[in-house]
Amino acid sequence: MTALRAVGATDLAEINALVVEAITTWPIAAALRERIAPSYCYDAIDLEHMRLFVRGDAFEAMIALEAADAADAPVLPAILLHGIYVRSGAQGRGLGRELVHAALTMTRDEGAAGLLAKAQRNASGFFAALGFEQLAVEDPIRDYPHRWWKTVQRVA
């Protein structure tokens, strides 16, 4: 597994290019994809409360993590997997799986109880295959419908 490298404000253009390219593979209309892409991009304000990492030195896969909110996570402290993106040409090579495994290791090493993901519907199979459990929707107005949770063994 290749190590993750933390990225900062100077890397935002590369990160956002990766995000936009990754979104091109989503099963939605191209016009809609073009409209929503900016809302998935990161800015300097995001870096005040999120940590972004890329796999190795190349900007082919990235993950964004932040503290999970008590309203979403079944146990605190927890880490929220805010975003995971893999360039279209690099998809299908296990990079997303590597990123999630690295995030689980960070979650455990930081003493958090688990990793929470709010995923797109079409990513449900990905998280299920990695051993995440889908959380029930208790309040349809508040709860995101595709929340996935994985407990980690805390470091003593």
N, C-alpha and C. Protein backbone atom coordinates (compact mmCIF):
# COMPACT_ATOMS: atom_id res chain seq x y z
N MET A 1 0.85 -1.18 0.00
CA MET A 1 0.00 0.00 0.00
C MET A 1 0.88 1.23 0.00
N THR A 2 0.57 2.18 -0.84
CA THR A 2 1.29 3.44 -0.91
C THR A 2 0.83 4.36 0.22
N ALA A 3 1.76 5.07 0.82
CA ALA A 3 1.44 5.97 1.91
C ALA A 3 0.61 7.15 1.41
N LEU A 4 -0.22 7.68 2.31
CA LEU A 4 -0.97 8.88 2.00
C LEU A 4 -0.16 10.10 2.36
N ARG A 5 -0.34 11.15 1.59
CA ARG A 5 0.35 12.41 1.83
C ARG A 5 -0.70 13.48 2.07
N ALA A 6 -0.55 14.22 3.18
CA ALA A 6 -1.46 15.32 3.47
C ALA A 6 -1.26 16.43 2.44
N VAL A 7 -2.33 17.06 2.04
CA VAL A 7 -2.25 18.16 1.09
C VAL A 7 -2.83 19.42 1.72
N GLY A 8 -2.45 20.55 1.17
CA GLY A 8 -2.89 21.82 1.71
C GLY A 8 -3.40 22.75 0.62
N ALA A 9 -3.46 24.02 0.96
CA ALA A 9 -4.04 25.03 0.07
C ALA A 9 -3.33 25.12 -1.27
N THR A 10 -2.02 24.89 -1.28
CA THR A 10 -1.28 24.99 -2.54
C THR A 10 -1.64 23.85 -3.50
N ASP A 11 -2.28 22.81 -2.99
CA ASP A 11 -2.65 21.65 -3.80
C ASP A 11 -4.11 21.67 -4.26
N LEU A 12 -4.86 22.71 -3.89
CA LEU A 12 -6.29 22.69 -4.16
C LEU A 12 -6.64 22.60 -5.64
N ALA A 13 -5.88 23.24 -6.51
CA ALA A 13 -6.19 23.16 -7.94
C ALA A 13 -6.08 21.73 -8.44
N GLU A 14 -5.02 21.01 -8.01
CA GLU A 14 -4.86 19.60 -8.41
C GLU A 14 -5.94 18.72 -7.80
N ILE A 15 -6.25 18.97 -6.54
CA ILE A 15 -7.29 18.19 -5.85
C ILE A 15 -8.62 18.37 -6.58
N ASN A 16 -8.98 19.61 -6.86
CA ASN A 16 -10.27 19.87 -7.48
C ASN A 16 -10.34 19.35 -8.91
N ALA A 17 -9.23 19.35 -9.62
CA ALA A 17 -9.21 18.74 -10.96
C ALA A 17 -9.47 17.24 -10.85
N LEU A 18 -8.89 16.60 -9.84
CA LEU A 18 -9.13 15.18 -9.59
C LEU A 18 -10.60 14.95 -9.28
N VAL A 19 -11.18 15.76 -8.40
CA VAL A 19 -12.59 15.62 -8.02
C VAL A 19 -13.49 15.73 -9.24
N VAL A 20 -13.28 16.75 -10.04
CA VAL A 20 -14.13 16.97 -11.22
C VAL A 20 -14.00 15.80 -12.19
N GLU A 21 -12.78 15.31 -12.38
CA GLU A 21 -12.61 14.17 -13.29
C GLU A 21 -13.28 12.92 -12.74
N ALA A 22 -13.15 12.68 -11.44
CA ALA A 22 -13.77 11.50 -10.83
C ALA A 22 -15.29 11.53 -10.98
N ILE A 23 -15.87 12.70 -10.85
CA ILE A 23 -17.32 12.85 -10.96
C ILE A 23 -17.82 12.50 -12.37
N THR A 24 -16.95 12.61 -13.37
CA THR A 24 -17.39 12.30 -14.74
C THR A 24 -17.84 10.86 -14.89
N THR A 25 -17.47 9.99 -13.96
CA THR A 25 -17.86 8.58 -14.06
C THR A 25 -19.18 8.28 -13.35
N TRP A 26 -19.72 9.27 -12.64
CA TRP A 26 -20.96 9.03 -11.91
C TRP A 26 -22.12 8.81 -12.88
N PRO A 27 -23.04 7.93 -12.55
CA PRO A 27 -24.16 7.61 -13.44
C PRO A 27 -25.29 8.65 -13.38
N ILE A 28 -24.95 9.87 -13.78
CA ILE A 28 -25.95 10.95 -13.85
C ILE A 28 -25.77 11.68 -15.16
N ALA A 29 -26.76 12.45 -15.53
CA ALA A 29 -26.71 13.20 -16.78
C ALA A 29 -25.54 14.18 -16.77
N ALA A 30 -24.91 14.33 -17.93
CA ALA A 30 -23.73 15.21 -18.05
C ALA A 30 -24.06 16.64 -17.63
N ALA A 31 -25.23 17.14 -17.99
CA ALA A 31 -25.59 18.51 -17.62
C ALA A 31 -25.69 18.66 -16.11
N LEU A 32 -26.23 17.67 -15.45
CA LEU A 32 -26.33 17.71 -13.99
C LEU A 32 -24.95 17.62 -13.36
N ARG A 33 -24.11 16.75 -13.90
CA ARG A 33 -22.74 16.59 -13.40
C ARG A 33 -22.00 17.93 -13.46
N GLU A 34 -22.15 18.62 -14.56
CA GLU A 34 -21.48 19.92 -14.73
C GLU A 34 -21.98 20.93 -13.71
N ARG A 35 -23.25 20.88 -13.39
CA ARG A 35 -23.82 21.83 -12.43
C ARG A 35 -23.39 21.55 -11.00
N ILE A 36 -23.27 20.26 -10.66
CA ILE A 36 -22.96 19.92 -9.26
C ILE A 36 -21.47 19.87 -8.96
N ALA A 37 -20.64 19.72 -9.97
CA ALA A 37 -19.19 19.56 -9.75
C ALA A 37 -18.60 20.64 -8.84
N PRO A 38 -18.92 21.92 -9.01
CA PRO A 38 -18.32 22.93 -8.12
C PRO A 38 -18.66 22.71 -6.64
N SER A 39 -19.81 22.15 -6.36
CA SER A 39 -20.19 21.95 -4.95
C SER A 39 -19.38 20.82 -4.30
N TYR A 40 -18.74 19.98 -5.09
CA TYR A 40 -17.91 18.91 -4.55
C TYR A 40 -16.44 19.32 -4.42
N CYS A 41 -16.08 20.46 -4.96
CA CYS A 41 -14.70 20.93 -4.89
C CYS A 41 -14.40 21.52 -3.52
N TYR A 42 -13.13 21.55 -3.18
CA TYR A 42 -12.67 22.01 -1.88
C TYR A 42 -12.05 23.39 -1.98
N ASP A 43 -12.10 24.14 -0.87
CA ASP A 43 -11.48 25.46 -0.82
C ASP A 43 -10.73 25.61 0.50
N ALA A 44 -10.10 26.76 0.67
CA ALA A 44 -9.27 26.99 1.86
C ALA A 44 -10.08 26.90 3.15
N ILE A 45 -11.34 27.29 3.12
CA ILE A 45 -12.18 27.20 4.31
C ILE A 45 -12.38 25.73 4.71
N ASP A 46 -12.55 24.85 3.71
CA ASP A 46 -12.69 23.42 4.02
C ASP A 46 -11.47 22.90 4.77
N LEU A 47 -10.29 23.41 4.43
CA LEU A 47 -9.06 22.94 5.05
C LEU A 47 -8.95 23.34 6.53
N GLU A 48 -9.82 24.26 6.97
CA GLU A 48 -9.80 24.64 8.38
C GLU A 48 -10.38 23.55 9.28
N HIS A 49 -11.22 22.68 8.72
CA HIS A 49 -11.81 21.62 9.54
C HIS A 49 -11.72 20.23 8.91
N MET A 50 -11.12 20.14 7.73
CA MET A 50 -10.94 18.84 7.08
C MET A 50 -9.46 18.57 6.85
N ARG A 51 -9.16 17.29 6.73
CA ARG A 51 -7.81 16.88 6.34
C ARG A 51 -7.94 16.15 5.01
N LEU A 52 -7.16 16.58 4.03
CA LEU A 52 -7.18 15.97 2.71
C LEU A 52 -5.86 15.24 2.48
N PHE A 53 -5.97 14.08 1.87
CA PHE A 53 -4.80 13.24 1.61
C PHE A 53 -4.85 12.72 0.18
N VAL A 54 -3.69 12.61 -0.43
CA VAL A 54 -3.58 11.95 -1.75
C VAL A 54 -2.74 10.70 -1.57
N ARG A 55 -2.93 9.79 -2.49
CA ARG A 55 -2.17 8.55 -2.49
C ARG A 55 -0.86 8.81 -3.22
N GLY A 56 0.26 8.67 -2.52
CA GLY A 56 1.56 8.87 -3.12
C GLY A 56 1.78 10.31 -3.57
N ASP A 57 2.62 10.48 -4.56
CA ASP A 57 2.92 11.82 -5.07
C ASP A 57 2.00 12.24 -6.22
N ALA A 58 1.34 11.28 -6.81
CA ALA A 58 0.45 11.58 -7.93
C ALA A 58 -0.92 11.96 -7.39
N PHE A 59 -1.61 12.78 -8.12
CA PHE A 59 -2.97 13.17 -7.74
C PHE A 59 -3.95 12.28 -8.51
N GLU A 60 -3.90 10.96 -8.19
CA GLU A 60 -4.80 10.04 -8.87
C GLU A 60 -5.93 9.58 -7.96
N ALA A 61 -5.76 9.75 -6.65
CA ALA A 61 -6.79 9.36 -5.70
C ALA A 61 -6.65 10.20 -4.44
N MET A 62 -7.78 10.63 -3.87
CA MET A 62 -7.73 11.44 -2.66
C MET A 62 -8.88 11.10 -1.74
N ILE A 63 -8.69 11.48 -0.48
CA ILE A 63 -9.70 11.27 0.54
C ILE A 63 -9.72 12.49 1.45
N ALA A 64 -10.92 12.85 1.92
CA ALA A 64 -11.08 13.97 2.84
C ALA A 64 -11.75 13.45 4.11
N LEU A 65 -11.19 13.82 5.25
CA LEU A 65 -11.68 13.36 6.55
C LEU A 65 -11.93 14.55 7.46
N GLU A 66 -12.91 14.38 8.35
CA GLU A 66 -13.18 15.40 9.37
C GLU A 66 -13.84 14.73 10.56
N ALA A 67 -13.96 15.45 11.65
CA ALA A 67 -14.63 14.91 12.83
C ALA A 67 -16.11 14.70 12.50
N ALA A 68 -16.64 13.56 12.92
CA ALA A 68 -18.06 13.27 12.67
C ALA A 68 -18.92 13.98 13.71
N ASP A 69 -20.10 14.34 13.29
CA ASP A 69 -21.07 15.02 14.14
C ASP A 69 -21.84 13.99 14.97
N ALA A 70 -22.19 14.36 16.18
CA ALA A 70 -22.93 13.46 17.08
C ALA A 70 -24.28 13.06 16.49
N ALA A 71 -24.87 13.88 15.67
CA ALA A 71 -26.17 13.54 15.08
C ALA A 71 -26.07 12.46 14.01
N ASP A 72 -24.86 12.21 13.52
CA ASP A 72 -24.69 11.24 12.44
C ASP A 72 -24.03 9.94 12.86
N ALA A 73 -23.06 10.01 13.75
CA ALA A 73 -22.28 8.83 14.13
C ALA A 73 -22.95 8.09 15.30
N PRO A 74 -22.94 6.77 15.26
CA PRO A 74 -23.56 6.02 16.35
C PRO A 74 -22.75 6.06 17.64
N VAL A 75 -21.45 6.33 17.53
CA VAL A 75 -20.55 6.38 18.68
C VAL A 75 -19.54 7.50 18.43
N LEU A 76 -19.20 8.24 19.48
CA LEU A 76 -18.18 9.28 19.36
C LEU A 76 -17.00 8.91 20.26
N PRO A 77 -15.80 9.37 19.97
CA PRO A 77 -15.46 10.17 18.79
C PRO A 77 -15.44 9.30 17.54
N ALA A 78 -15.70 9.93 16.41
CA ALA A 78 -15.72 9.23 15.13
C ALA A 78 -15.18 10.16 14.06
N ILE A 79 -14.73 9.56 12.98
CA ILE A 79 -14.23 10.31 11.83
C ILE A 79 -15.24 10.16 10.69
N LEU A 80 -15.51 11.26 10.02
CA LEU A 80 -16.39 11.26 8.85
C LEU A 80 -15.53 11.24 7.60
N LEU A 81 -15.77 10.27 6.75
CA LEU A 81 -15.14 10.23 5.44
C LEU A 81 -15.96 11.18 4.57
N HIS A 82 -15.46 12.40 4.44
CA HIS A 82 -16.20 13.45 3.74
C HIS A 82 -16.23 13.22 2.23
N GLY A 83 -15.15 12.73 1.69
CA GLY A 83 -15.10 12.51 0.25
C GLY A 83 -13.98 11.55 -0.11
N ILE A 84 -14.22 10.77 -1.16
CA ILE A 84 -13.21 9.88 -1.69
C ILE A 84 -13.36 9.92 -3.21
N TYR A 85 -12.26 10.20 -3.89
CA TYR A 85 -12.31 10.38 -5.34
C TYR A 85 -11.11 9.70 -5.98
N VAL A 86 -11.36 9.02 -7.10
CA VAL A 86 -10.31 8.36 -7.86
C VAL A 86 -10.47 8.80 -9.32
N ARG A 87 -9.37 9.26 -9.92
CA ARG A 87 -9.41 9.66 -11.34
C ARG A 87 -10.00 8.55 -12.18
N SER A 88 -10.71 8.91 -13.22
CA SER A 88 -11.39 7.92 -14.05
C SER A 88 -10.42 6.87 -14.59
N GLY A 89 -9.23 7.26 -15.02
CA GLY A 89 -8.27 6.31 -15.56
C GLY A 89 -7.63 5.41 -14.53
N ALA A 90 -7.80 5.73 -13.25
CA ALA A 90 -7.21 4.93 -12.18
C ALA A 90 -8.25 4.08 -11.45
N GLN A 91 -9.50 4.22 -11.83
CA GLN A 91 -10.55 3.45 -11.15
C GLN A 91 -10.44 1.97 -11.50
N GLY A 92 -10.89 1.15 -10.56
CA GLY A 92 -10.86 -0.29 -10.77
C GLY A 92 -9.54 -0.95 -10.41
N ARG A 93 -8.61 -0.18 -9.83
CA ARG A 93 -7.30 -0.73 -9.46
C ARG A 93 -7.13 -0.91 -7.95
N GLY A 94 -8.21 -0.69 -7.19
CA GLY A 94 -8.14 -0.87 -5.74
C GLY A 94 -7.69 0.35 -4.97
N LEU A 95 -7.59 1.51 -5.64
CA LEU A 95 -7.10 2.71 -4.95
C LEU A 95 -8.10 3.20 -3.91
N GLY A 96 -9.38 3.15 -4.22
CA GLY A 96 -10.39 3.55 -3.26
C GLY A 96 -10.34 2.68 -2.01
N ARG A 97 -10.17 1.39 -2.22
CA ARG A 97 -10.05 0.44 -1.11
C ARG A 97 -8.82 0.80 -0.26
N GLU A 98 -7.70 1.11 -0.90
CA GLU A 98 -6.49 1.51 -0.17
C GLU A 98 -6.74 2.76 0.66
N LEU A 99 -7.43 3.73 0.08
CA LEU A 99 -7.71 4.97 0.80
C LEU A 99 -8.56 4.70 2.03
N VAL A 100 -9.58 3.88 1.89
CA VAL A 100 -10.45 3.58 3.03
C VAL A 100 -9.68 2.82 4.10
N HIS A 101 -8.85 1.87 3.71
CA HIS A 101 -8.06 1.15 4.71
C HIS A 101 -7.11 2.10 5.44
N ALA A 102 -6.52 3.04 4.73
CA ALA A 102 -5.65 4.03 5.38
C ALA A 102 -6.47 4.91 6.33
N ALA A 103 -7.67 5.29 5.92
CA ALA A 103 -8.53 6.10 6.79
C ALA A 103 -8.93 5.32 8.04
N LEU A 104 -9.19 4.03 7.91
CA LEU A 104 -9.51 3.20 9.07
C LEU A 104 -8.32 3.11 10.02
N THR A 105 -7.13 3.00 9.48
CA THR A 105 -5.93 2.97 10.31
C THR A 105 -5.76 4.30 11.05
N MET A 106 -5.95 5.42 10.35
CA MET A 106 -5.86 6.73 11.00
C MET A 106 -6.92 6.86 12.09
N THR A 107 -8.13 6.40 11.79
CA THR A 107 -9.23 6.47 12.76
C THR A 107 -8.85 5.71 14.03
N ARG A 108 -8.35 4.51 13.86
CA ARG A 108 -7.93 3.69 15.01
C ARG A 108 -6.78 4.36 15.76
N ASP A 109 -5.77 4.82 15.03
CA ASP A 109 -4.59 5.42 15.66
C ASP A 109 -4.93 6.69 16.42
N GLU A 110 -5.97 7.39 16.01
CA GLU A 110 -6.39 8.62 16.69
C GLU A 110 -7.33 8.34 17.86
N GLY A 111 -7.66 7.07 18.08
CA GLY A 111 -8.50 6.70 19.21
C GLY A 111 -9.98 6.88 18.97
N ALA A 112 -10.40 7.06 17.73
CA ALA A 112 -11.82 7.20 17.43
C ALA A 112 -12.48 5.82 17.42
N ALA A 113 -13.78 5.81 17.60
CA ALA A 113 -14.53 4.55 17.66
C ALA A 113 -14.78 3.93 16.30
N GLY A 114 -14.88 4.79 15.28
CA GLY A 114 -15.15 4.24 13.96
C GLY A 114 -15.14 5.30 12.88
N LEU A 115 -15.37 4.82 11.66
CA LEU A 115 -15.36 5.66 10.46
C LEU A 115 -16.77 5.68 9.89
N LEU A 116 -17.28 6.86 9.64
CA LEU A 116 -18.61 7.07 9.08
C LEU A 116 -18.48 7.59 7.66
N ALA A 117 -19.27 7.05 6.76
CA ALA A 117 -19.31 7.54 5.38
C ALA A 117 -20.74 7.89 5.01
N LYS A 118 -20.92 9.06 4.42
CA LYS A 118 -22.19 9.43 3.82
C LYS A 118 -21.96 9.30 2.32
N ALA A 119 -22.48 8.24 1.76
CA ALA A 119 -22.12 7.88 0.39
C ALA A 119 -23.23 8.17 -0.60
N GLN A 120 -22.84 8.25 -1.86
CA GLN A 120 -23.82 8.26 -2.94
C GLN A 120 -24.46 6.87 -2.99
N ARG A 121 -25.67 6.79 -3.43
CA ARG A 121 -26.38 5.51 -3.49
C ARG A 121 -25.59 4.45 -4.26
N ASN A 122 -24.98 4.85 -5.37
CA ASN A 122 -24.26 3.88 -6.20
C ASN A 122 -22.95 3.41 -5.56
N ALA A 123 -22.54 3.99 -4.43
CA ALA A 123 -21.33 3.54 -3.72
C ALA A 123 -21.65 2.56 -2.61
N SER A 124 -22.90 2.23 -2.43
CA SER A 124 -23.31 1.34 -1.34
C SER A 124 -22.60 -0.01 -1.40
N GLY A 125 -22.50 -0.60 -2.58
CA GLY A 125 -21.82 -1.89 -2.73
C GLY A 125 -20.36 -1.82 -2.32
N PHE A 126 -19.71 -0.71 -2.63
CA PHE A 126 -18.30 -0.50 -2.27
C PHE A 126 -18.13 -0.58 -0.76
N PHE A 127 -18.95 0.19 -0.03
CA PHE A 127 -18.82 0.21 1.43
C PHE A 127 -19.25 -1.11 2.06
N ALA A 128 -20.27 -1.73 1.53
CA ALA A 128 -20.68 -3.04 2.04
C ALA A 128 -19.56 -4.07 1.87
N ALA A 129 -18.89 -4.04 0.72
CA ALA A 129 -17.81 -4.99 0.46
C ALA A 129 -16.62 -4.78 1.39
N LEU A 130 -16.48 -3.58 1.93
CA LEU A 130 -15.39 -3.28 2.86
C LEU A 130 -15.78 -3.54 4.32
N GLY A 131 -16.97 -4.10 4.52
CA GLY A 131 -17.39 -4.46 5.87
C GLY A 131 -18.09 -3.36 6.64
N PHE A 132 -18.48 -2.30 5.97
CA PHE A 132 -19.25 -1.25 6.62
C PHE A 132 -20.69 -1.72 6.77
N GLU A 133 -21.35 -1.23 7.81
CA GLU A 133 -22.77 -1.53 8.03
C GLU A 133 -23.58 -0.29 7.70
N GLN A 134 -24.69 -0.48 7.00
CA GLN A 134 -25.54 0.66 6.69
C GLN A 134 -26.34 1.04 7.93
N LEU A 135 -26.33 2.32 8.25
CA LEU A 135 -27.08 2.80 9.41
C LEU A 135 -28.52 3.06 9.02
N ALA A 136 -29.41 2.75 9.94
CA ALA A 136 -30.84 2.94 9.69
C ALA A 136 -31.18 4.43 9.68
N VAL A 137 -32.16 4.77 8.89
CA VAL A 137 -32.69 6.13 8.85
C VAL A 137 -33.75 6.21 9.96
N GLU A 138 -33.44 6.99 10.98
CA GLU A 138 -34.38 7.14 12.08
C GLU A 138 -35.25 8.37 11.91
N ASP A 139 -34.69 9.41 11.32
CA ASP A 139 -35.43 10.65 11.06
C ASP A 139 -35.24 10.99 9.58
N PRO A 140 -36.25 10.71 8.74
CA PRO A 140 -36.10 10.92 7.30
C PRO A 140 -35.82 12.37 6.90
N ILE A 141 -36.16 13.30 7.75
CA ILE A 141 -35.91 14.70 7.45
C ILE A 141 -34.45 15.05 7.72
N ARG A 142 -33.86 14.45 8.75
CA ARG A 142 -32.50 14.79 9.16
C ARG A 142 -31.45 13.82 8.63
N ASP A 143 -31.73 12.53 8.66
CA ASP A 143 -30.72 11.52 8.37
C ASP A 143 -30.45 11.39 6.88
N TYR A 144 -29.17 11.39 6.55
CA TYR A 144 -28.76 11.10 5.18
C TYR A 144 -29.07 9.62 4.93
N PRO A 145 -29.68 9.27 3.80
CA PRO A 145 -30.16 7.89 3.62
C PRO A 145 -29.08 6.83 3.38
N HIS A 146 -27.88 7.23 3.01
CA HIS A 146 -26.84 6.25 2.69
C HIS A 146 -25.63 6.46 3.60
N ARG A 147 -25.86 6.21 4.89
CA ARG A 147 -24.78 6.34 5.88
C ARG A 147 -24.23 4.96 6.19
N TRP A 148 -22.91 4.87 6.18
CA TRP A 148 -22.22 3.61 6.41
C TRP A 148 -21.25 3.77 7.57
N TRP A 149 -21.14 2.76 8.41
CA TRP A 149 -20.33 2.82 9.63
C TRP A 149 -19.45 1.58 9.76
N LYS A 150 -18.22 1.83 10.19
CA LYS A 150 -17.33 0.71 10.50
C LYS A 150 -16.62 1.01 11.81
N THR A 151 -16.82 0.15 12.78
CA THR A 151 -16.17 0.26 14.08
C THR A 151 -14.71 -0.18 13.92
N VAL A 152 -13.81 0.50 14.61
CA VAL A 152 -12.41 0.11 14.61
C VAL A 152 -12.00 -0.25 16.04
N GLN A 153 -11.00 -1.10 16.15
CA GLN A 153 -10.45 -1.45 17.45
C GLN A 153 -9.57 -0.29 17.90
N ARG A 154 -9.94 0.34 18.98
CA ARG A 154 -9.16 1.46 19.48
C ARG A 154 -7.82 1.00 20.02
N VAL A 155 -6.82 1.87 19.86
CA VAL A 155 -5.49 1.61 20.40
C VAL A 155 -5.55 1.88 21.91
N ALA A 156 -5.09 0.93 22.70
CA ALA A 156 -5.14 1.09 24.16
C ALA A 156 -4.07 2.02 24.67
